[in-house]
Protein backbone atom coordinates (compact mmCIF):
# COMPACT_ATOMS: atom_id res chain seq x y z
CA MET A 1 -13.62 -14.19 -7.20
CA ARG A 2 -10.81 -14.92 -9.65
CA ARG A 3 -7.74 -16.89 -8.58
CA LEU A 4 -4.24 -17.13 -10.00
CA THR A 5 -1.15 -18.86 -8.61
CA ALA A 6 2.18 -18.01 -10.14
CA THR A 7 5.74 -16.90 -9.39
CA CYS A 8 8.09 -14.60 -11.22
CA ALA A 9 11.30 -12.65 -10.66
CA LEU A 10 11.23 -9.78 -8.19
CA VAL A 11 10.71 -6.44 -9.89
CA ALA A 12 13.67 -4.15 -9.27
CA LEU A 13 12.65 -0.79 -7.83
CA THR A 14 14.94 2.20 -7.61
CA ALA A 15 14.78 5.25 -5.44
CA GLY A 16 15.71 7.68 -8.22
CA SER A 17 16.62 11.07 -6.83
CA LEU A 18 15.09 10.50 -3.37
CA ILE A 19 17.40 11.59 -0.57
CA THR A 20 17.75 10.29 3.00
CA SER A 21 19.08 12.09 6.03
CA GLY A 22 20.35 11.03 9.43
CA LEU A 23 18.63 10.28 12.73
CA ALA A 24 16.10 12.65 14.23
CA GLN A 25 14.18 12.92 17.46
CA SER A 26 11.30 10.50 17.80
CA PRO A 27 8.07 12.17 16.63
CA ARG A 28 5.35 12.84 19.15
CA GLN A 29 2.18 10.75 19.26
CA HIS A 30 0.01 11.60 16.25
CA ALA A 31 -2.56 10.19 13.83
CA GLY A 32 0.17 8.29 11.99
CA GLN A 33 0.72 5.90 14.88
CA GLY A 34 -1.57 2.90 14.90
CA ASN A 35 -2.78 3.35 11.33
CA ALA A 36 -3.79 0.07 9.72
CA VAL A 37 -3.08 -0.43 6.01
CA LEU A 38 -5.45 -2.11 3.57
CA GLU A 39 -4.01 -3.08 0.17
CA LEU A 40 -6.57 -4.16 -2.43
CA PHE A 41 -5.42 -6.15 -5.46
CA THR A 42 -8.01 -5.59 -8.15
CA SER A 43 -8.51 -5.60 -11.91
CA GLN A 44 -10.68 -3.71 -14.38
CA GLY A 45 -11.14 -7.05 -16.17
CA CYS A 46 -12.55 -8.85 -13.12
CA SER A 47 -16.34 -8.87 -12.76
CA SER A 48 -16.02 -9.69 -9.03
CA CYS A 49 -13.94 -6.60 -8.29
CA PRO A 50 -16.27 -3.56 -8.52
CA PRO A 51 -17.94 -4.24 -5.13
CA ALA A 52 -14.47 -4.42 -3.53
CA ASP A 53 -13.40 -1.21 -5.28
CA ALA A 54 -16.47 0.56 -3.92
CA LEU A 55 -15.94 -0.85 -0.43
CA LEU A 56 -12.35 0.39 -0.42
CA GLY A 57 -13.65 3.88 -1.12
CA ARG A 58 -15.91 3.73 1.92
CA LEU A 59 -13.15 2.33 4.12
CA ALA A 60 -10.81 5.12 2.99
CA ASP A 61 -12.92 7.61 4.96
CA ARG A 62 -12.56 5.76 8.27
CA PRO A 63 -10.12 7.18 10.83
CA GLY A 64 -7.08 4.99 11.43
CA LEU A 65 -7.27 3.29 8.03
CA LEU A 66 -4.98 3.94 5.07
CA VAL A 67 -5.92 2.26 1.79
CA LEU A 68 -4.02 1.43 -1.38
CA SER A 69 -5.35 -0.07 -4.60
CA TYR A 70 -3.12 -2.14 -6.90
CA SER A 71 -4.44 -2.97 -10.35
CA VAL A 72 -2.87 -6.21 -11.61
CA ASP A 73 -2.16 -7.09 -15.23
CA TYR A 74 -2.71 -10.84 -15.37
CA TRP A 75 -6.37 -10.65 -16.46
CA ASP A 76 -5.67 -8.44 -19.48
CA TYR A 77 -6.12 -11.40 -21.83
CA LEU A 78 -9.86 -11.47 -21.01
CA GLY A 79 -10.59 -8.66 -23.45
CA TRP A 80 -9.68 -5.45 -21.64
CA HIS A 81 -6.23 -4.03 -20.96
CA ASP A 82 -6.28 -2.63 -17.40
CA THR A 83 -5.38 1.06 -17.77
CA LEU A 84 -3.97 1.17 -14.22
CA GLY A 85 -2.45 -2.31 -14.20
CA SER A 86 1.25 -3.10 -14.00
CA ALA A 87 3.55 -6.09 -13.67
CA ALA A 88 5.00 -4.47 -10.53
CA ASN A 89 1.57 -4.52 -8.86
CA SER A 90 1.10 -8.18 -9.76
CA GLU A 91 4.55 -9.00 -8.41
CA ARG A 92 3.84 -7.33 -5.07
CA GLN A 93 0.78 -9.56 -4.72
CA ARG A 94 2.80 -12.66 -5.59
CA GLU A 95 5.50 -11.69 -3.12
CA TYR A 96 2.90 -11.49 -0.36
CA ALA A 97 1.77 -15.00 -1.32
CA ARG A 98 5.35 -16.28 -1.19
CA GLU A 99 5.97 -14.62 2.18
CA ARG A 100 2.81 -16.19 3.64
CA GLY A 101 3.63 -19.52 2.03
CA ASP A 102 0.07 -20.16 0.88
CA GLY A 103 0.41 -19.29 -2.83
CA ARG A 104 -2.97 -17.53 -2.80
CA VAL A 105 -3.20 -14.93 -5.57
CA TYR A 106 -6.67 -13.78 -6.65
CA THR A 107 -8.85 -10.74 -7.25
CA PRO A 108 -10.29 -9.01 -5.36
CA GLN A 109 -7.76 -9.76 -2.61
CA MET A 110 -7.33 -7.52 0.43
CA VAL A 111 -4.04 -7.73 2.31
CA VAL A 112 -4.40 -6.43 5.84
CA ASP A 113 -1.37 -4.76 7.47
CA GLY A 114 0.84 -7.19 5.53
CA VAL A 115 -0.09 -10.12 7.78
CA SER A 116 -3.22 -11.73 6.28
CA HIS A 117 -5.55 -11.68 3.29
CA VAL A 118 -9.32 -11.88 2.77
CA ASN A 119 -11.84 -11.42 -0.02
CA GLY A 120 -11.76 -7.70 -0.74
CA SER A 121 -15.54 -7.41 -0.97
CA ASP A 122 -16.24 -9.11 2.40
CA GLU A 123 -16.51 -6.24 4.88
CA ASN A 124 -16.99 -8.50 7.90
CA ALA A 125 -13.91 -10.58 7.03
CA ILE A 126 -11.91 -7.36 6.65
CA LYS A 127 -13.10 -6.18 10.07
CA LEU A 128 -12.03 -9.45 11.71
CA ALA A 129 -8.67 -9.39 9.91
CA LEU A 130 -8.08 -5.81 11.11
CA GLU A 131 -8.80 -6.83 14.69
CA ALA A 132 -6.43 -9.80 14.43
CA ALA A 133 -3.68 -7.66 12.91
CA GLU A 134 -4.10 -5.00 15.57
CA SER A 135 -3.67 -7.62 18.29
CA LYS A 136 -0.67 -9.22 16.58
CA LEU A 137 1.17 -5.95 15.92
CA ALA A 138 0.16 -3.94 19.00
CA ALA A 139 3.62 -4.15 20.56
CA ALA A 140 5.47 -3.40 17.31
CA LYS A 141 3.75 -0.35 15.78
CA VAL A 142 5.89 2.76 15.26
CA PRO A 143 4.79 6.37 14.69
CA VAL A 144 5.14 7.80 11.19
CA ALA A 145 4.44 11.40 10.17
CA ILE A 146 4.73 13.27 6.86
CA ARG A 147 5.00 17.03 6.46
CA ALA A 148 6.20 19.58 3.91
CA GLU A 149 9.06 21.99 4.52
CA GLY A 150 9.21 24.30 1.54
CA ASP A 151 9.91 22.17 -1.52
CA THR A 152 10.86 19.13 0.58
CA LEU A 153 8.67 16.32 1.88
CA VAL A 154 9.82 15.18 5.32
CA ILE A 155 9.00 11.73 6.70
CA ASP A 156 9.61 11.19 10.42
CA ILE A 157 9.72 7.60 11.70
CA GLY A 158 9.84 6.80 15.39
CA ALA A 159 11.87 4.24 17.29
CA ALA A 160 10.68 0.69 17.90
CA PRO A 161 8.83 0.19 21.19
CA GLU A 162 11.04 -1.33 23.89
CA GLN A 163 9.01 -4.54 23.95
CA SER A 164 9.03 -5.02 20.16
CA ASP A 165 10.95 -7.86 18.53
CA LYS A 166 10.74 -6.12 15.13
CA ARG A 167 13.60 -3.65 14.75
CA ALA A 168 14.30 -3.54 11.03
CA GLY A 169 12.24 -2.78 7.97
CA THR A 170 12.01 -1.25 4.53
CA VAL A 171 10.57 2.24 4.12
CA TRP A 172 8.32 2.28 1.04
CA LEU A 173 6.86 5.31 -0.64
CA ALA A 174 3.63 4.79 -2.58
CA ILE A 175 2.69 7.45 -5.14
CA ALA A 176 -1.06 7.32 -5.71
CA LYS A 177 -4.09 9.22 -6.97
CA GLU A 178 -6.77 10.20 -4.48
CA VAL A 179 -9.47 8.89 -6.83
CA GLN A 180 -9.31 7.87 -10.48
CA LYS A 181 -12.39 7.09 -12.56
CA VAL A 182 -12.12 4.69 -15.48
CA SER A 183 -14.73 4.01 -18.18
CA ILE A 184 -14.46 0.40 -19.32
CA THR A 185 -15.62 -0.40 -22.83
CA ARG A 186 -14.71 -4.08 -23.20
CA GLY A 187 -14.34 -7.23 -21.13
CA GLU A 188 -16.33 -8.41 -18.14
CA ASN A 189 -17.02 -4.88 -16.86
CA HIS A 190 -17.83 -3.28 -20.22
CA GLY A 191 -20.14 -0.27 -19.99
CA ARG A 192 -19.18 0.53 -16.39
CA GLU A 193 -17.39 3.53 -14.91
CA ILE A 194 -15.45 2.49 -11.82
CA SER A 195 -13.77 4.71 -9.23
CA TYR A 196 -10.40 3.53 -7.90
CA HIS A 197 -9.31 4.89 -4.54
CA HIS A 198 -5.59 5.51 -4.01
CA PRO A 199 -4.52 3.52 -7.09
CA VAL A 200 -0.76 3.08 -6.79
CA ARG A 201 1.24 4.48 -9.70
CA GLU A 202 4.69 3.91 -8.19
CA LEU A 203 5.94 1.98 -5.14
CA THR A 204 9.58 2.67 -4.30
CA PRO A 205 11.86 1.69 -1.40
CA ILE A 206 13.42 4.88 -0.07
CA GLY A 207 15.36 3.71 2.97
CA MET A 208 16.00 1.13 5.66
CA TRP A 209 14.68 1.55 9.19
CA LYS A 210 16.83 -0.08 11.88
CA GLY A 211 14.69 0.35 14.95
CA GLU A 212 15.82 3.88 15.75
CA ALA A 213 14.11 7.21 15.03
CA MET A 214 14.99 8.56 11.60
CA THR A 215 14.01 11.22 9.08
CA LEU A 216 13.82 10.98 5.28
CA ARG A 217 13.78 14.07 3.05
CA LEU A 218 12.37 13.93 -0.48
CA PRO A 219 12.19 16.62 -3.20
CA ILE A 220 8.52 17.30 -3.89
CA LYS A 221 9.18 18.34 -7.50
CA ASP A 222 10.44 14.83 -8.30
CA LEU A 223 7.44 13.17 -6.63
CA LYS A 224 5.04 15.23 -8.77
CA THR A 225 6.42 13.63 -11.93
CA MET A 226 5.39 10.11 -10.87
CA GLY A 227 1.71 10.31 -11.82
CA GLY A 228 0.03 10.79 -8.45
CA ASP A 229 -1.30 13.53 -6.21
CA CYS A 230 -0.75 11.93 -2.78
CA VAL A 231 1.85 9.77 -1.08
CA ILE A 232 1.75 7.11 1.60
CA ALA A 233 4.84 6.01 3.52
CA LEU A 234 5.00 2.45 4.83
CA VAL A 235 7.45 0.88 7.27
CA GLN A 236 7.37 -2.82 6.48
CA VAL A 237 9.33 -5.85 7.59
CA GLU A 238 11.43 -6.72 4.54
CA SER A 239 9.40 -6.32 1.33
CA ALA A 240 6.21 -8.27 2.09
CA GLY A 241 6.02 -8.71 5.85
CA PRO A 242 4.01 -6.97 8.57
CA ILE A 243 3.48 -3.22 8.19
CA LEU A 244 4.70 -1.51 11.36
CA GLY A 245 3.70 2.08 10.59
CA ALA A 246 2.20 4.28 7.89
CA ALA A 247 1.20 7.85 7.16
CA GLU A 248 -0.35 9.77 4.25
CA TYR A 249 0.35 13.16 2.71
CA GLU A 250 -2.41 14.54 0.49
CA ARG A 251 -2.23 16.96 -2.41
CA LEU A 252 1.35 17.01 -3.64
């Protein structure tokens, strides 16, 4: 497991041509309510990461789990430039570390529902972290649903539960690939072909949720230009706090 502790300026993200609309009726109960989110910070230049990458693929098939993979760029000096890596991915990991206050930045690192982190290749630790997050956030989860209406992607977000003390958050849209295979020819993983599940190509804030039901409308044609074939919407406290709701839309 590789570790790195560092800080840098927050990467500015823009919403581009994404459009928001007004309030809507709260969506009915659906698969998007109660989803837990696993975010794996990985690197093609990290020899400890392939088992975590493979585990993420298995976890992606489990009901109630949404997974995202972020390739970081800070191991590129080891002899292989990560073809999926970006400074924005590295900064999201650092922001989580700042929010937690522990400064822990390493690969493979799994962040669970925005509230804790564990070694991304330790399935038992992930299971325990999921159980702890579920207990911590049980009273705060909100329903999220994504659907298409013609050439528009519609994201419905429900109201905060009456008992919840979390009534504000950022709505993030992650543009990702379902699966992307990479053949690595140099560095610690040279000679290997690794499959990355839901590697994030773009993570953009598209709105602010204020505890009430709302709907966001996005032009699908613009989303298709961002390098992915699926999207995941996250409702998160600020930019690196607990994730209160999430939903996925496959095959843009």
